[in-house]
Amino acid sequence: MDVTASFTRRPTRQVMVGNVPVGGGAPISVQSMTDTKTADVDATLKQIYALAAAGADIVRCTCNDPEAAEGLAHIVPRSPVPIVADIHHQYRRALEALEAGVACLRLNPGNIRKPEHIKTVARECKDRGVPIRIGVNGGSLHPDLKAKHGDKVTPEAMVESAQMELAYFEEVDFDLVKISVKASSVALMIDAYRQLADVTDHPLHLGVTEAGPPPQGLIKATAGIATLLAEGIGDTIRYSLTSDPVDEVRAGRQLLESMGLRERKNVDLIACPSCGRAEIDVYAVAQQAMEAFGERELPLQVAVMGCVVNGPGEAGDADLGIAAGNKRGHLFIKGRNAAVVAEDEMVDALVEWAEFIAEHGVEAALAKVDVDKAAREADRDRALLLESQGDDANHAEQRVELMRRHRHDG
């Protein structure tokens, strides 16, 4: 099923991170960061390739010592995606990273504070056409700004930090800039980005920093990032999870695809929440299907439904689905019954048909089956299920009657 975003994105300037456009209406890009020692070139490249395979558009590597900078010189020409150098405290690392050929720098205004150092880096980036991300972080805000705002990290203080850095860049006529104002508090992060979006048209990099491990970290990051994306704010994103960086990329891709902000790359698996009528363990079959599809690039919506009574209708918009009934799986394509398979072959059948549809299309898939026969089989199993369980498998009518009695007795 093709889903297109219905909200309007905030217009921004555009910068190029290598060959990846950020802002200016370009597709929202997904980023992550390696957790290897950058000086370990082979280990870092292995992780970069894994991130790229999972859907990362841009990857950031730390450049925290001279050995890391030298490692970047070997990594950059062999990387499948543009590399951003993460710079903290020592501006000379930024200059070395530029020599290594990185596509972008990330500078933290909270720990590279001398104006002459900031402007030196900006001049070098201007000469090379390399953008800088101003990476404001609530946990490392400049102490003077924190004191100015009541010794607290506030949205106003974070936005002011970004504006101060921009002012230094403007002094040397450098404007290849994207900005982030991350915090570990979702509410603080959302407020800061909203305020920042009101005062600048530079592209914005979204993230909830130090979100933590899944599932809590996924919830926090999604709450912040998705809220802003739904308001049209944001041009590139990163999930900051205490987890394998590949998990960050998968989460970012899934979020953008589910919001209609990127074309679907992998299967979107939907499943019913199960009920008293379910003929199978929906949770187990859905998990088996997720594992079976894995990283297969099949841009389809696939449904796993617990029973044949309502399943095909409720998931009728899915490209492909399967519903259980009478110890069999009823496979349907765009809501039309297509085939019947043994219960223990349901997942294999989903994968096989998904691959066929992805290659040949829905009409070709329907043309190879007897849809009338499949519909008759589904109707028969549906009738048997209704006969054995009735229309009200979850006993809702009994619950309603009980409510009415209590209401009357009261």
Protein backbone atom coordinates (compact mmCIF):
# COMPACT_ATOMS: atom_id res chain seq x y z
CA MET A 1 0.00 0.00 0.00
CA ASP A 2 1.41 3.38 -1.02
CA VAL A 3 1.18 6.06 1.66
CA THR A 4 1.98 9.70 0.98
CA ALA A 5 2.51 12.33 3.66
CA SER A 6 -0.36 14.78 3.97
CA PHE A 7 1.44 17.52 5.90
CA THR A 8 3.49 20.38 4.49
CA ARG A 9 7.21 20.48 5.16
CA ARG A 10 8.87 23.67 6.33
CA PRO A 11 10.81 25.30 3.47
CA THR A 12 14.57 25.47 4.10
CA ARG A 13 17.85 26.05 2.37
CA GLN A 14 19.64 22.98 1.08
CA VAL A 15 23.14 21.73 1.82
CA MET A 16 24.90 18.78 0.26
CA VAL A 17 26.49 16.19 2.53
CA GLY A 18 28.57 14.49 -0.09
CA ASN A 19 25.99 13.38 -2.65
CA VAL A 20 23.07 13.50 -0.18
CA PRO A 21 20.92 16.66 -0.25
CA VAL A 22 19.64 17.84 3.12
CA GLY A 23 16.80 20.37 3.24
CA GLY A 24 15.25 22.28 0.39
CA GLY A 25 12.53 19.67 -0.11
CA ALA A 26 14.92 16.73 -0.42
CA PRO A 27 13.81 13.38 1.05
CA ILE A 28 14.41 13.28 4.80
CA SER A 29 17.66 11.39 5.31
CA VAL A 30 18.50 8.83 8.00
CA GLN A 31 21.73 9.01 9.94
CA SER A 32 23.54 6.96 12.54
CA MET A 33 26.97 6.94 14.20
CA THR A 34 29.57 4.21 14.43
CA ASP A 35 30.51 2.98 17.90
CA THR A 36 33.88 1.54 16.86
CA LYS A 37 37.26 3.16 17.37
CA THR A 38 37.69 5.19 14.19
CA ALA A 39 41.38 4.32 14.16
CA ASP A 40 40.30 0.68 13.64
CA VAL A 41 39.61 1.17 9.94
CA ASP A 42 38.42 -2.33 9.12
CA ALA A 43 35.98 -2.55 12.05
CA THR A 44 34.62 0.91 11.32
CA LEU A 45 34.15 0.22 7.62
CA LYS A 46 32.42 -3.07 8.41
CA GLN A 47 29.92 -1.19 10.56
CA ILE A 48 29.46 1.58 7.99
CA TYR A 49 28.59 -1.02 5.34
CA ALA A 50 26.10 -2.64 7.73
CA LEU A 51 24.49 0.74 8.38
CA ALA A 52 24.31 1.53 4.68
CA ALA A 53 22.72 -1.87 3.98
CA ALA A 54 20.08 -1.14 6.63
CA GLY A 55 19.21 2.16 4.92
CA ALA A 56 21.52 4.81 6.38
CA ASP A 57 22.05 7.74 4.03
CA ILE A 58 24.81 9.39 6.11
CA VAL A 59 27.13 8.00 8.82
CA ARG A 60 29.00 9.92 11.51
CA CYS A 61 32.32 8.81 13.00
CA THR A 62 34.08 10.23 16.01
CA CYS A 63 37.28 12.16 15.38
CA ASN A 64 38.56 12.47 18.92
CA ASP A 65 42.31 11.97 18.49
CA PRO A 66 44.99 12.12 15.79
CA GLU A 67 44.71 8.38 15.16
CA ALA A 68 41.00 8.74 14.47
CA ALA A 69 41.69 11.52 11.97
CA GLU A 70 44.20 9.32 10.20
CA GLY A 71 41.68 6.49 10.21
CA LEU A 72 39.19 8.76 8.44
CA ALA A 73 41.66 9.27 5.62
CA HIS A 74 41.42 5.53 4.93
CA ILE A 75 37.68 5.24 5.62
CA VAL A 76 36.29 8.12 3.56
CA PRO A 77 37.32 6.87 0.09
CA ARG A 78 36.06 3.36 0.86
CA SER A 79 32.73 4.29 2.44
CA PRO A 80 29.47 3.67 0.53
CA VAL A 81 27.86 6.75 2.16
CA PRO A 82 29.06 10.26 3.07
CA ILE A 83 30.99 10.48 6.34
CA VAL A 84 30.50 13.18 8.98
CA ALA A 85 33.30 13.79 11.48
CA ASP A 86 32.14 14.32 15.05
CA ILE A 87 34.33 16.95 16.68
CA HIS A 88 34.51 17.80 20.40
CA HIS A 89 36.82 20.13 22.34
CA GLN A 90 39.79 20.20 19.91
CA TYR A 91 39.28 22.27 16.76
CA ARG A 92 42.47 20.87 15.22
CA ARG A 93 40.68 17.54 14.83
CA ALA A 94 38.18 19.35 12.60
CA LEU A 95 40.97 20.61 10.36
CA GLU A 96 42.49 17.14 10.20
CA ALA A 97 39.11 15.61 9.36
CA LEU A 98 38.79 18.05 6.47
CA GLU A 99 42.19 16.93 5.24
CA ALA A 100 40.89 13.35 5.42
CA GLY A 101 38.11 14.32 3.00
CA VAL A 102 34.98 14.07 5.17
CA ALA A 103 31.70 15.29 3.71
CA CYS A 104 30.59 17.25 6.78
CA LEU A 105 31.66 18.30 10.28
CA ARG A 106 29.62 18.27 13.46
CA LEU A 107 30.76 20.97 15.93
CA ASN A 108 29.41 21.30 19.47
CA PRO A 109 29.26 24.98 20.48
CA GLY A 110 29.32 23.91 24.11
CA ASN A 111 32.88 22.63 23.98
CA ILE A 112 34.59 24.44 21.09
CA ARG A 113 34.18 27.95 22.45
CA LYS A 114 36.94 30.21 21.17
CA PRO A 115 35.59 32.40 18.35
CA GLU A 116 38.89 32.36 16.46
CA HIS A 117 38.91 28.55 16.42
CA ILE A 118 35.30 28.38 15.25
CA LYS A 119 35.92 30.87 12.47
CA THR A 120 39.12 29.12 11.37
CA VAL A 121 37.20 25.89 10.86
CA ALA A 122 34.39 27.72 9.05
CA ARG A 123 36.86 29.35 6.65
CA GLU A 124 38.36 25.97 5.79
CA CYS A 125 34.92 24.48 5.25
CA LYS A 126 33.95 27.41 3.03
CA ASP A 127 37.04 26.90 0.87
CA ARG A 128 36.21 23.22 0.47
CA GLY A 129 32.43 23.52 0.17
CA VAL A 130 31.96 21.28 3.21
CA PRO A 131 28.91 21.90 5.46
CA ILE A 132 28.92 22.08 9.24
CA ARG A 133 26.24 20.86 11.60
CA ILE A 134 25.91 23.09 14.62
CA GLY A 135 25.21 20.38 17.18
CA VAL A 136 23.78 22.02 20.28
CA ASN A 137 23.31 19.50 23.10
CA GLY A 138 21.35 20.15 26.27
CA GLY A 139 23.89 18.13 28.25
CA SER A 140 26.88 20.21 27.16
CA LEU A 141 25.45 23.71 26.91
CA HIS A 142 27.93 26.57 27.25
CA PRO A 143 28.08 27.36 31.02
CA ASP A 144 27.67 31.10 30.41
CA LEU A 145 24.42 30.53 28.52
CA LYS A 146 23.18 28.15 31.16
CA ALA A 147 23.89 30.74 33.87
CA LYS A 148 22.19 33.45 31.82
CA HIS A 149 19.01 31.40 31.67
CA GLY A 150 18.64 30.77 35.39
CA ASP A 151 21.23 27.99 35.61
CA LYS A 152 18.88 25.78 33.60
CA VAL A 153 18.93 24.17 30.18
CA THR A 154 16.04 25.87 28.43
CA PRO A 155 14.84 25.90 24.83
CA GLU A 156 15.74 29.59 24.66
CA ALA A 157 19.30 28.89 25.80
CA MET A 158 19.76 26.12 23.23
CA VAL A 159 18.45 28.29 20.39
CA GLU A 160 20.67 31.17 21.50
CA SER A 161 23.68 28.84 21.43
CA ALA A 162 22.92 27.93 17.80
CA GLN A 163 22.45 31.59 16.88
CA MET A 164 25.78 32.57 18.46
CA GLU A 165 27.55 29.94 16.37
CA LEU A 166 25.74 31.13 13.26
CA ALA A 167 26.93 34.67 13.97
CA TYR A 168 30.55 33.50 13.99
CA PHE A 169 29.99 31.75 10.67
CA GLU A 170 28.40 34.86 9.18
CA GLU A 171 31.52 36.87 10.04
CA VAL A 172 33.47 34.73 7.57
CA ASP A 173 30.58 34.50 5.08
CA PHE A 174 29.97 30.78 5.66
CA ASP A 175 26.40 29.50 5.33
CA LEU A 176 26.60 25.77 4.50
CA VAL A 177 24.93 24.95 7.79
CA LYS A 178 22.47 22.53 9.32
CA ILE A 179 21.51 22.68 12.97
CA SER A 180 20.41 20.42 15.80
CA VAL A 181 19.22 21.32 19.31
CA LYS A 182 19.03 17.93 20.97
CA ALA A 183 18.07 17.11 24.53
CA SER A 184 17.26 13.92 26.42
CA SER A 185 13.95 15.48 27.49
CA VAL A 186 11.36 15.03 24.76
CA ALA A 187 9.39 18.12 25.79
CA LEU A 188 12.52 20.29 25.90
CA MET A 189 13.72 19.01 22.55
CA ILE A 190 10.37 19.65 20.85
CA ASP A 191 10.13 23.17 22.23
CA ALA A 192 13.70 24.00 21.22
CA TYR A 193 13.23 22.85 17.63
CA ARG A 194 9.95 24.73 17.31
CA GLN A 195 11.62 27.93 18.47
CA LEU A 196 14.61 27.32 16.21
CA ALA A 197 12.35 26.74 13.19
CA ASP A 198 10.80 30.17 13.79
CA VAL A 199 14.13 32.04 13.58
CA THR A 200 16.12 30.27 10.85
CA ASP A 201 15.63 28.62 7.46
CA HIS A 202 18.67 26.36 7.76
CA PRO A 203 17.90 22.63 7.51
CA LEU A 204 17.39 20.91 10.86
CA HIS A 205 18.77 17.60 12.11
CA LEU A 206 16.31 15.99 14.55
CA GLY A 207 17.05 13.73 17.48
CA VAL A 208 16.42 13.00 21.13
CA THR A 209 19.91 12.61 22.54
CA GLU A 210 20.71 9.76 24.92
CA ALA A 211 17.23 8.31 24.42
CA GLY A 212 18.34 5.06 26.07
CA PRO A 213 17.84 1.39 25.24
CA PRO A 214 14.79 -0.02 23.45
CA PRO A 215 11.88 -0.11 23.99
CA GLN A 216 11.93 3.06 26.13
CA GLY A 217 14.50 4.73 23.89
CA LEU A 218 12.48 3.99 20.77
CA ILE A 219 9.38 5.47 22.36
CA LYS A 220 11.18 8.63 23.50
CA ALA A 221 12.93 9.19 20.19
CA THR A 222 9.80 8.54 18.15
CA ALA A 223 7.72 10.84 20.36
CA GLY A 224 10.09 13.73 19.74
CA ILE A 225 11.03 13.15 16.12
CA ALA A 226 7.57 12.18 14.85
CA THR A 227 5.89 15.12 16.57
CA LEU A 228 8.15 17.58 14.78
CA LEU A 229 8.00 15.77 11.44
CA ALA A 230 4.21 15.91 11.59
CA GLU A 231 4.54 19.69 11.96
CA GLY A 232 6.77 19.83 8.87
CA ILE A 233 9.94 20.43 10.91
CA GLY A 234 13.04 18.35 10.18
CA ASP A 235 15.26 17.46 7.24
CA THR A 236 17.43 14.63 8.55
CA ILE A 237 17.05 12.39 11.60
CA ARG A 238 18.97 10.16 13.97
CA TYR A 239 17.69 7.79 16.64
CA SER A 240 20.22 7.91 19.51
CA LEU A 241 19.70 4.49 21.08
CA THR A 242 21.71 2.44 23.53
CA SER A 243 21.75 -0.39 21.04
CA ASP A 244 23.40 -1.61 17.86
CA PRO A 245 23.58 1.41 15.50
CA VAL A 246 21.84 -0.71 12.85
CA ASP A 247 18.77 -0.61 15.10
CA GLU A 248 18.86 3.20 14.90
CA VAL A 249 18.79 3.11 11.13
CA ARG A 250 15.97 0.58 10.98
CA ALA A 251 13.91 2.67 13.37
CA GLY A 252 14.54 5.83 11.37
CA ARG A 253 13.64 4.21 8.08
CA GLN A 254 10.49 2.63 9.49
CA LEU A 255 9.37 5.92 10.98
CA LEU A 256 9.80 7.83 7.72
CA GLU A 257 8.13 5.11 5.68
CA SER A 258 5.20 4.85 8.07
CA MET A 259 4.69 8.62 7.89
CA GLY A 260 4.85 8.63 4.10
CA LEU A 261 8.07 10.67 4.10
CA ARG A 262 10.19 8.06 2.31
CA GLU A 263 9.31 5.45 -0.27
CA ARG A 264 8.89 2.04 1.27
CA LYS A 265 12.00 -0.10 1.06
CA ASN A 266 11.10 -3.16 3.11
CA VAL A 267 7.93 -4.98 4.10
CA ASP A 268 5.44 -3.14 6.28
CA LEU A 269 4.01 -5.98 8.34
CA ILE A 270 0.61 -5.35 9.93
CA ALA A 271 -1.21 -7.78 12.17
CA CYS A 272 -4.47 -7.89 14.08
CA PRO A 273 -4.26 -7.59 17.90
CA SER A 274 -5.88 -11.04 18.17
CA CYS A 275 -9.18 -11.88 19.81
CA GLY A 276 -11.29 -14.78 20.96
CA ARG A 277 -11.93 -15.79 17.36
CA ALA A 278 -8.25 -16.14 16.42
CA GLU A 279 -7.46 -19.53 14.92
CA ILE A 280 -3.69 -19.15 15.32
CA ASP A 281 -1.15 -17.62 17.68
CA VAL A 282 -1.09 -14.28 15.86
CA TYR A 283 1.86 -13.01 17.88
CA ALA A 284 4.04 -16.01 17.00
CA VAL A 285 3.11 -16.06 13.31
CA ALA A 286 3.68 -12.31 12.97
CA GLN A 287 7.10 -12.66 14.60
CA GLN A 288 7.98 -15.59 12.33
CA ALA A 289 6.95 -13.51 9.32
CA MET A 290 9.09 -10.56 10.45
CA GLU A 291 12.09 -12.87 10.76
CA ALA A 292 11.39 -14.53 7.41
CA PHE A 293 11.18 -11.22 5.55
CA GLY A 294 14.26 -9.92 7.35
CA GLU A 295 16.12 -7.42 5.19
CA ARG A 296 14.46 -8.47 1.90
CA GLU A 297 13.75 -5.32 -0.06
CA LEU A 298 10.07 -5.93 -0.77
CA PRO A 299 8.22 -2.60 -0.62
CA LEU A 300 4.84 -4.12 0.23
CA GLN A 301 2.33 -4.03 3.05
CA VAL A 302 1.75 -7.56 4.30
CA ALA A 303 -0.96 -8.58 6.79
CA VAL A 304 -1.16 -11.46 9.27
CA MET A 305 -4.75 -11.86 10.49
CA GLY A 306 -6.00 -14.23 13.16
CA CYS A 307 -9.20 -15.38 11.53
CA VAL A 308 -10.93 -15.54 8.17
CA VAL A 309 -14.13 -13.91 9.44
CA ASN A 310 -12.93 -10.31 9.38
CA GLY A 311 -9.29 -10.59 8.37
CA PRO A 312 -9.45 -10.11 4.58
CA GLY A 313 -11.88 -7.21 4.92
CA GLU A 314 -10.03 -5.40 7.71
CA ALA A 315 -6.72 -5.73 5.88
CA GLY A 316 -8.20 -5.28 2.41
CA ASP A 317 -5.86 -2.41 1.54
CA ALA A 318 -2.75 -4.53 2.17
CA ASP A 319 -0.87 -5.72 -0.89
CA LEU A 320 -0.87 -9.24 0.48
CA GLY A 321 -2.14 -11.03 3.56
CA ILE A 322 -3.08 -14.30 5.13
CA ALA A 323 -5.91 -15.19 7.51
CA ALA A 324 -6.39 -18.38 9.49
CA GLY A 325 -9.50 -20.52 9.29
CA ASN A 326 -10.28 -24.19 9.87
CA LYS A 327 -6.58 -25.06 10.33
CA ARG A 328 -5.73 -23.50 6.99
CA GLY A 329 -4.31 -20.22 5.79
CA HIS A 330 -6.40 -18.15 3.38
CA LEU A 331 -4.11 -15.96 1.33
CA PHE A 332 -5.55 -12.75 -0.07
CA ILE A 333 -4.18 -10.11 -2.45
CA LYS A 334 -5.60 -6.58 -2.20
CA GLY A 335 -8.58 -8.00 -0.30
CA ARG A 336 -9.32 -10.73 -2.86
CA ASN A 337 -8.95 -14.38 -1.85
CA ALA A 338 -6.23 -15.99 -3.89
CA ALA A 339 -5.12 -19.31 -2.42
CA VAL A 340 -5.41 -21.75 0.47
CA VAL A 341 -2.31 -23.17 2.15
CA ALA A 342 -1.61 -25.49 5.04
CA GLU A 343 -1.38 -23.76 8.41
CA ASP A 344 2.30 -24.65 8.85
CA GLU A 345 3.09 -23.19 5.39
CA MET A 346 1.55 -19.76 5.96
CA VAL A 347 4.78 -17.82 6.48
CA ASP A 348 6.58 -19.50 3.59
CA ALA A 349 3.61 -18.74 1.33
CA LEU A 350 3.64 -15.08 2.35
CA VAL A 351 7.31 -14.73 1.47
CA GLU A 352 6.91 -16.56 -1.85
CA TRP A 353 3.92 -14.48 -2.92
CA ALA A 354 5.48 -11.23 -1.73
CA GLU A 355 8.52 -11.86 -3.89
CA PHE A 356 6.29 -12.62 -6.88
CA ILE A 357 4.16 -9.49 -6.40
CA ALA A 358 7.21 -7.28 -5.91
CA GLU A 359 8.60 -8.52 -9.23
CA HIS A 360 5.48 -8.98 -11.35
CA GLY A 361 2.72 -6.92 -9.73
CA VAL A 362 -0.70 -7.56 -8.19
CA GLU A 363 -2.57 -8.23 -11.44
CA ALA A 364 -0.07 -10.87 -12.53
CA ALA A 365 -0.43 -12.57 -9.15
CA LEU A 366 -4.22 -12.64 -9.34
CA ALA A 367 -4.07 -13.91 -12.91
CA LYS A 368 -2.26 -17.09 -11.85
CA VAL A 369 -4.90 -18.21 -9.31
CA ASP A 370 -8.54 -19.25 -9.26
CA VAL A 371 -9.94 -16.39 -7.16
CA ASP A 372 -13.49 -17.77 -7.29
CA LYS A 373 -12.42 -21.13 -5.87
CA ALA A 374 -10.33 -19.43 -3.17
CA ALA A 375 -13.31 -17.24 -2.24
CA ARG A 376 -15.59 -20.28 -1.93
CA GLU A 377 -13.08 -22.01 0.34
CA ALA A 378 -12.80 -18.89 2.50
CA ASP A 379 -16.59 -18.53 2.70
CA ARG A 380 -16.92 -22.15 3.79
CA ASP A 381 -14.33 -21.81 6.56
CA ARG A 382 -15.82 -18.48 7.61
CA ALA A 383 -19.24 -20.08 7.96
CA LEU A 384 -17.83 -22.98 9.99
CA LEU A 385 -16.07 -20.55 12.32
CA LEU A 386 -19.20 -18.47 12.83
CA GLU A 387 -21.23 -21.61 13.44
CA SER A 388 -18.84 -22.83 16.14
CA GLN A 389 -18.19 -19.47 17.82
CA GLY A 390 -21.09 -17.26 16.86
CA ASP A 391 -20.99 -13.66 15.77
CA ASP A 392 -19.81 -12.49 19.17
CA ALA A 393 -16.63 -14.41 19.91
CA ASN A 394 -15.49 -11.85 22.48
CA HIS A 395 -18.83 -11.88 24.29
CA ALA A 396 -19.31 -8.16 23.86
CA GLU A 397 -23.10 -8.44 24.03
CA GLN A 398 -22.90 -10.13 27.42
CA ARG A 399 -20.69 -7.31 28.66
CA VAL A 400 -23.08 -4.68 27.36
CA GLU A 401 -26.03 -6.42 29.02
CA LEU A 402 -24.13 -6.52 32.32
CA MET A 403 -23.43 -2.79 32.06
CA ARG A 404 -27.12 -2.10 31.48
CA ARG A 405 -28.12 -4.16 34.51
CA HIS A 406 -25.67 -2.34 36.73
CA ARG A 407 -26.88 0.95 35.35
CA HIS A 408 -30.50 -0.01 36.07
CA ASP A 409 -29.70 -1.35 39.55
CA GLY A 410 -27.86 1.88 40.39
